[in-house]
Amino acid sequence: MRATLAGVLGLDVSLLQSGMGGVAGSELACAVSNAGAAGCAGGYKLVDGALSTMLERLTAGTDRPVGVNLIPEVVGPDELIRQVAQVLDETPQRVHLSFFGMPDDAVFERVVAAGRDLVVQVGTAEDGVRAAGQGAVVVAQGIEAGGHLLGTARRDDLLAVLRARLPEACLVASGGIGSPEDAVRALAAGADGVLLGTAFVVAHESRAHTEFKAAVTAADETHTVITDVYEIGWPGRRHRVLATAVTADPAQPKKFIGKTVVEGKPYLVPRFSSAVPTDATSGRIEEMAMYCGQSCSAVSEEISAADVVAAFARVLPGGEVVRNEKRVESNVSR
């Protein structure tokens, strides 16, 4: 029988939280993990002391399985290896590595050799097959998803292709999942669990700016657009965001429209920056990149991360049976 996501990662609920850079800090990740799902902190471009500080908060905040999300195409191969090495050296085995997009083979080999659980989000069947070959949980991202898009297929279409090619792999659905009913449909399409992003943007523990949260809860899917205008810091990748004056008029000047702070370090925010507005951001929030999936139609209020997990727990498979089997095997081996 195919394993559930919960069984593979040792969770109570087959649910992943998206490791959204800026929004998904250690507070959100720990809250999700403590509720029985898999939280994930956004590593984004953090390295050295800044990454260490985040990892310290993450491992102190939960003793449950939790992840760190890294983005190969944003940092490049050398810096990615540094990030991976830090995560492996500075965190316990219960911290898994999550990649948005495909890393190089050397990165796969390093994570697998360390015995860490591995999650890889993909937008194409070819990448999904390659990631599964490395033993990864494969997250199939459809174009319904908020944020940067890894492919051009709809979620269930990609799931169907991956399931046909990978009958035994652990597949997770991503994109357009804002309600338990959406999750049920994703399971019926072949998923072993789901990943949520937009639903956690508006969680109490999210670091999204209050104006960002309010815009998401007020929106429906017709308020989202796929564009490539927020390209400073992450060029060459389409993204789904809430429609703004910037998406409506990409010819505006690339001047500074705000300020933000990341791990204690201040930065200016230019118009067309890929950075999200967080609780440390000031300025013209309404012009910034507010990543939002079509699932916003089902997201209408700010609630706790634990409440989000609880709402989905009643329809998603758990991992108790698999974990008990692992405990028995462990006891026998001793």
Protein backbone atom coordinates (compact mmCIF):
# COMPACT_ATOMS: atom_id res chain seq x y z
CA MET A 1 0.00 0.00 0.00
CA ARG A 2 1.28 3.48 -0.90
CA ALA A 3 2.46 5.52 2.10
CA THR A 4 0.71 8.73 3.11
CA LEU A 5 2.62 11.98 3.40
CA ALA A 6 2.07 11.80 7.15
CA GLY A 7 3.58 8.33 7.22
CA VAL A 8 6.66 9.35 5.25
CA LEU A 9 7.47 12.42 7.38
CA GLY A 10 6.12 11.18 10.73
CA LEU A 11 3.21 13.62 10.97
CA ASP A 12 -0.29 13.48 12.38
CA VAL A 13 -1.78 15.11 9.28
CA SER A 14 -0.75 14.77 5.60
CA LEU A 15 -0.29 18.51 5.23
CA LEU A 16 2.70 20.64 4.25
CA GLN A 17 3.00 24.38 4.84
CA SER A 18 4.68 26.26 2.00
CA GLY A 19 8.07 27.72 2.98
CA MET A 20 7.27 31.20 1.72
CA GLY A 21 10.28 33.49 1.97
CA GLY A 22 9.61 36.41 4.31
CA VAL A 23 6.14 35.22 5.28
CA ALA A 24 7.05 31.77 6.61
CA GLY A 25 9.30 32.52 9.54
CA SER A 26 10.13 30.14 12.35
CA GLU A 27 7.03 31.21 14.28
CA LEU A 28 4.65 30.02 11.57
CA ALA A 29 6.63 26.87 10.84
CA CYS A 30 6.72 25.85 14.50
CA ALA A 31 3.02 26.55 14.98
CA VAL A 32 2.14 24.33 12.01
CA SER A 33 4.42 21.52 13.17
CA ASN A 34 3.19 21.71 16.74
CA ALA A 35 -0.34 21.30 15.36
CA GLY A 36 0.63 17.98 13.75
CA ALA A 37 1.41 18.97 10.14
CA ALA A 38 4.79 19.88 8.62
CA GLY A 39 5.75 23.50 9.05
CA CYS A 40 8.47 24.95 6.83
CA ALA A 41 10.59 28.06 7.34
CA GLY A 42 11.64 30.02 4.27
CA GLY A 43 15.43 30.02 3.94
CA TYR A 44 15.35 32.14 0.76
CA LYS A 45 18.73 33.96 0.56
CA LEU A 46 19.72 33.58 4.22
CA VAL A 47 23.29 32.38 4.84
CA ASP A 48 25.84 32.32 7.63
CA GLY A 49 24.75 34.13 10.83
CA ALA A 50 21.32 35.12 9.56
CA LEU A 51 20.49 31.52 8.63
CA SER A 52 21.91 30.22 11.91
CA THR A 53 19.71 32.60 13.88
CA MET A 54 16.61 31.41 12.05
CA LEU A 55 17.57 27.74 12.50
CA GLU A 56 18.08 28.26 16.23
CA ARG A 57 14.56 29.68 16.58
CA LEU A 58 13.14 26.88 14.45
CA THR A 59 14.65 24.01 16.42
CA ALA A 60 13.90 25.66 19.76
CA GLY A 61 10.27 26.25 18.83
CA THR A 62 9.22 22.67 18.07
CA ASP A 63 10.33 19.11 18.72
CA ARG A 64 8.21 17.84 15.83
CA PRO A 65 9.17 17.24 12.18
CA VAL A 66 9.69 20.59 10.44
CA GLY A 67 11.34 21.80 7.24
CA VAL A 68 13.57 24.48 5.78
CA ASN A 69 12.76 25.64 2.25
CA LEU A 70 15.57 26.59 -0.15
CA ILE A 71 15.34 27.92 -3.71
CA PRO A 72 18.11 26.68 -6.04
CA GLU A 73 17.56 29.18 -8.86
CA VAL A 74 17.60 32.21 -6.56
CA VAL A 75 20.93 31.60 -4.85
CA GLY A 76 22.89 29.54 -7.37
CA PRO A 77 24.74 26.24 -6.85
CA ASP A 78 27.61 27.40 -4.63
CA GLU A 79 25.48 29.35 -2.17
CA LEU A 80 22.88 26.57 -2.13
CA ILE A 81 25.54 24.08 -1.05
CA ARG A 82 26.47 26.46 1.77
CA GLN A 83 22.85 26.73 2.87
CA VAL A 84 22.37 22.96 2.74
CA ALA A 85 25.55 22.38 4.72
CA GLN A 86 24.38 24.78 7.42
CA VAL A 87 20.99 23.14 7.73
CA LEU A 88 22.53 19.67 7.94
CA ASP A 89 25.21 20.74 10.43
CA GLU A 90 23.03 22.91 12.67
CA THR A 91 19.74 21.02 12.92
CA PRO A 92 18.61 17.57 14.13
CA GLN A 93 17.39 14.75 11.87
CA ARG A 94 13.73 15.76 12.27
CA VAL A 95 14.39 18.85 10.13
CA HIS A 96 13.80 18.00 6.48
CA LEU A 97 15.09 19.84 3.41
CA SER A 98 12.50 21.32 1.07
CA PHE A 99 13.48 22.63 -2.36
CA PHE A 100 11.40 24.91 -4.57
CA GLY A 101 12.59 23.69 -7.94
CA MET A 102 15.35 21.25 -8.76
CA PRO A 103 18.81 21.36 -7.16
CA ASP A 104 21.92 19.86 -8.74
CA ASP A 105 22.71 16.17 -8.29
CA ALA A 106 25.44 17.04 -5.80
CA VAL A 107 22.85 18.63 -3.51
CA PHE A 108 20.57 15.62 -3.75
CA GLU A 109 23.49 13.33 -2.94
CA ARG A 110 24.46 15.38 0.11
CA VAL A 111 20.94 15.39 1.56
CA VAL A 112 20.39 11.69 0.87
CA ALA A 113 23.77 10.78 2.38
CA ALA A 114 22.81 12.66 5.54
CA GLY A 115 19.65 10.56 5.83
CA ARG A 116 17.36 13.60 5.82
CA ASP A 117 13.83 13.56 4.51
CA LEU A 118 13.57 15.42 1.23
CA VAL A 119 10.68 17.39 -0.28
CA VAL A 120 10.91 18.84 -3.80
CA GLN A 121 8.29 21.07 -5.43
CA VAL A 122 8.08 20.72 -9.22
CA GLY A 123 6.03 22.07 -12.10
CA THR A 124 6.78 19.41 -14.71
CA ALA A 125 6.50 15.63 -14.89
CA GLU A 126 10.16 15.28 -15.89
CA ASP A 127 11.35 17.08 -12.75
CA GLY A 128 8.93 15.07 -10.64
CA VAL A 129 10.28 11.76 -11.92
CA ARG A 130 13.85 12.89 -11.28
CA ALA A 131 13.04 14.05 -7.74
CA ALA A 132 11.20 10.82 -6.93
CA GLY A 133 14.27 8.91 -8.11
CA GLN A 134 16.17 10.58 -5.27
CA GLY A 135 13.59 9.39 -2.75
CA ALA A 136 11.89 12.77 -2.42
CA VAL A 137 8.33 13.58 -1.55
CA VAL A 138 7.20 15.26 -4.79
CA VAL A 139 5.01 18.35 -4.60
CA ALA A 140 3.08 18.85 -7.85
CA GLN A 141 2.51 22.59 -8.26
CA GLY A 142 -0.28 23.71 -10.56
CA ILE A 143 -0.74 27.16 -12.03
CA GLU A 144 -3.57 27.74 -9.54
CA ALA A 145 -0.86 28.32 -6.91
CA GLY A 146 0.20 31.69 -5.56
CA GLY A 147 3.80 32.77 -5.83
CA HIS A 148 6.33 31.75 -8.44
CA LEU A 149 5.21 29.12 -10.91
CA LEU A 150 7.41 26.19 -11.87
CA GLY A 151 5.36 25.02 -14.86
CA THR A 152 2.34 25.61 -17.06
CA ALA A 153 0.07 22.69 -16.12
CA ARG A 154 -2.98 22.73 -13.90
CA ARG A 155 -2.57 20.88 -10.60
CA ASP A 156 -4.72 17.83 -11.25
CA ASP A 157 -3.40 17.40 -14.79
CA LEU A 158 0.17 17.31 -13.48
CA LEU A 159 -0.86 14.96 -10.67
CA ALA A 160 -2.44 12.55 -13.13
CA VAL A 161 0.69 12.37 -15.26
CA LEU A 162 2.95 11.94 -12.24
CA ARG A 163 0.76 9.26 -10.69
CA ALA A 164 0.75 7.29 -13.93
CA ARG A 165 4.55 7.43 -14.11
CA LEU A 166 5.17 7.10 -10.36
CA PRO A 167 2.55 4.70 -8.98
CA GLU A 168 4.35 4.19 -5.65
CA ALA A 169 5.74 7.69 -5.05
CA CYS A 170 4.49 10.05 -2.35
CA LEU A 171 2.82 12.91 -4.25
CA VAL A 172 1.56 16.15 -2.73
CA ALA A 173 -0.87 18.53 -4.44
CA SER A 174 -0.19 22.27 -4.50
CA GLY A 175 -2.29 25.09 -5.94
CA GLY A 176 -5.87 26.18 -5.49
CA ILE A 177 -6.40 24.37 -2.17
CA GLY A 178 -8.15 26.67 0.28
CA SER A 179 -10.77 24.42 1.86
CA PRO A 180 -11.08 20.82 3.04
CA GLU A 181 -13.32 20.20 0.04
CA ASP A 182 -10.49 21.31 -2.26
CA ALA A 183 -8.18 18.88 -0.46
CA VAL A 184 -10.62 15.99 -0.97
CA ARG A 185 -10.63 16.68 -4.70
CA ALA A 186 -6.81 16.69 -4.76
CA LEU A 187 -6.71 13.32 -2.97
CA ALA A 188 -9.18 11.92 -5.48
CA ALA A 189 -6.86 13.10 -8.28
CA GLY A 190 -4.02 10.98 -6.88
CA ALA A 191 -2.36 13.02 -4.14
CA ASP A 192 -1.12 11.56 -0.83
CA GLY A 193 -1.31 14.92 0.91
CA VAL A 194 -1.59 18.63 0.21
CA LEU A 195 0.54 21.76 0.50
CA LEU A 196 -1.03 25.05 1.57
CA GLY A 197 0.40 28.50 1.01
CA THR A 198 -2.28 31.17 0.76
CA ALA A 199 -4.26 29.75 3.69
CA PHE A 200 -1.18 30.22 5.89
CA VAL A 201 -0.36 33.71 4.58
CA VAL A 202 -3.26 35.00 6.68
CA ALA A 203 -2.52 32.89 9.77
CA HIS A 204 -1.89 34.80 13.00
CA GLU A 205 1.70 33.53 13.08
CA SER A 206 2.47 34.56 9.50
CA ARG A 207 4.85 37.47 9.05
CA ALA A 208 2.81 38.90 6.16
CA HIS A 209 2.02 42.60 6.49
CA THR A 210 -1.46 43.34 7.86
CA GLU A 211 -2.42 45.04 4.57
CA PHE A 212 -1.28 41.93 2.68
CA LYS A 213 -3.40 39.69 4.93
CA ALA A 214 -6.43 41.96 4.56
CA ALA A 215 -6.09 42.00 0.78
CA VAL A 216 -5.97 38.19 0.64
CA THR A 217 -9.02 37.67 2.84
CA ALA A 218 -10.98 40.22 0.77
CA ALA A 219 -10.02 38.66 -2.57
CA ASP A 220 -11.36 35.88 -4.73
CA GLU A 221 -9.61 34.10 -7.59
CA THR A 222 -10.64 36.77 -10.09
CA HIS A 223 -8.41 39.23 -8.22
CA THR A 224 -5.26 37.20 -8.97
CA VAL A 225 -3.14 37.47 -12.11
CA ILE A 226 -0.20 35.59 -13.57
CA THR A 227 2.54 38.06 -14.47
CA ASP A 228 6.31 38.48 -14.49
CA VAL A 229 6.54 42.09 -13.32
CA TYR A 230 7.92 41.44 -9.82
CA GLU A 231 11.28 40.35 -11.18
CA ILE A 232 13.87 42.28 -9.17
CA GLY A 233 15.61 39.64 -7.09
CA TRP A 234 14.00 36.72 -8.92
CA PRO A 235 14.03 37.27 -12.70
CA GLY A 236 12.69 34.98 -15.41
CA ARG A 237 9.88 33.29 -13.47
CA ARG A 238 6.15 33.95 -13.78
CA HIS A 239 4.21 34.41 -10.57
CA ARG A 240 0.59 34.58 -9.43
CA VAL A 241 -0.13 37.66 -7.33
CA LEU A 242 -3.01 39.91 -6.39
CA ALA A 243 -3.62 42.46 -9.13
CA THR A 244 -2.13 45.85 -8.25
CA ALA A 245 -1.40 49.17 -9.89
CA VAL A 246 2.03 47.72 -10.70
CA THR A 247 0.65 44.68 -12.54
CA ALA A 248 -1.71 47.01 -14.41
CA ASP A 249 1.08 49.35 -15.52
CA PRO A 250 4.52 47.68 -15.78
CA ALA A 251 5.96 50.79 -17.44
CA GLN A 252 6.25 52.68 -14.16
CA PRO A 253 9.73 53.71 -13.01
CA LYS A 254 11.75 51.29 -10.88
CA LYS A 255 12.11 53.65 -7.93
CA PHE A 256 12.20 52.80 -4.22
CA ILE A 257 8.73 52.53 -2.69
CA GLY A 258 9.47 51.21 0.79
CA LYS A 259 11.81 49.78 3.39
CA THR A 260 12.06 46.41 5.10
CA VAL A 261 14.20 44.53 7.62
CA VAL A 262 15.43 40.93 7.24
CA GLU A 263 17.06 39.28 10.28
CA GLY A 264 17.97 42.71 11.65
CA LYS A 265 19.41 44.10 8.41
CA PRO A 266 17.61 47.01 6.66
CA TYR A 267 16.86 47.04 2.94
CA LEU A 268 15.20 49.43 0.49
CA VAL A 269 12.34 47.95 -1.54
CA PRO A 270 12.16 49.04 -5.20
CA ARG A 271 9.00 48.91 -7.27
CA PHE A 272 8.91 45.51 -9.05
CA SER A 273 10.83 43.81 -6.21
CA SER A 274 10.03 40.12 -5.72
CA ALA A 275 10.14 40.62 -1.93
CA VAL A 276 6.82 40.28 -0.10
CA PRO A 277 5.62 42.95 2.34
CA THR A 278 6.14 41.62 5.88
CA ASP A 279 5.46 42.96 9.35
CA ALA A 280 8.88 44.66 9.08
CA THR A 281 8.00 46.46 5.83
CA SER A 282 6.81 50.05 5.44
CA GLY A 283 5.91 52.14 2.41
CA ARG A 284 3.58 51.56 -0.51
CA ILE A 285 2.42 48.10 0.52
CA GLU A 286 -0.41 48.17 -2.01
CA GLU A 287 2.15 48.20 -4.87
CA MET A 288 4.28 45.34 -3.59
CA ALA A 289 4.27 41.65 -4.54
CA MET A 290 1.35 40.06 -2.73
CA TYR A 291 1.59 36.44 -3.81
CA CYS A 292 -1.82 34.80 -3.71
CA GLY A 293 -3.30 31.62 -5.14
CA GLN A 294 -6.76 31.01 -6.52
CA SER A 295 -7.53 29.35 -3.18
CA CYS A 296 -8.12 32.85 -1.77
CA SER A 297 -11.78 32.39 -2.74
CA ALA A 298 -12.03 30.02 0.24
CA VAL A 299 -9.85 32.09 2.62
CA SER A 300 -11.95 34.75 4.31
CA GLU A 301 -10.50 35.39 7.77
CA GLU A 302 -7.29 35.46 9.76
CA ILE A 303 -7.09 32.44 12.07
CA SER A 304 -4.34 30.55 13.87
CA ALA A 305 -2.11 28.06 12.09
CA ALA A 306 -3.43 25.35 14.42
CA ASP A 307 -7.00 26.13 13.33
CA VAL A 308 -5.98 25.81 9.67
CA VAL A 309 -4.42 22.41 10.35
CA ALA A 310 -7.43 21.25 12.38
CA ALA A 311 -9.85 22.16 9.59
CA PHE A 312 -7.94 20.01 7.09
CA ALA A 313 -7.12 17.19 9.51
CA ARG A 314 -10.64 15.81 9.30
CA VAL A 315 -10.25 15.00 5.58
CA LEU A 316 -6.53 14.27 5.21
CA PRO A 317 -4.89 10.94 6.03
CA GLY A 318 -2.78 10.63 9.17
CA GLY A 319 0.38 8.65 9.78
CA GLU A 320 -0.24 6.91 13.10
CA VAL A 321 -0.26 3.40 11.65
CA VAL A 322 2.97 3.93 9.75
CA ARG A 323 4.69 5.56 12.73
CA ASN A 324 3.65 2.71 15.02
CA GLU A 325 5.05 0.22 12.53
CA LYS A 326 8.33 2.14 12.50
CA ARG A 327 8.44 2.10 16.32
CA VAL A 328 7.96 -1.68 16.31
CA GLU A 329 10.71 -2.13 13.73
CA SER A 330 13.01 0.14 15.77
CA ASN A 331 12.34 -1.79 18.98
CA VAL A 332 13.01 -5.11 17.24
CA SER A 333 16.28 -3.83 15.79
CA ARG A 334 17.48 -2.90 19.25
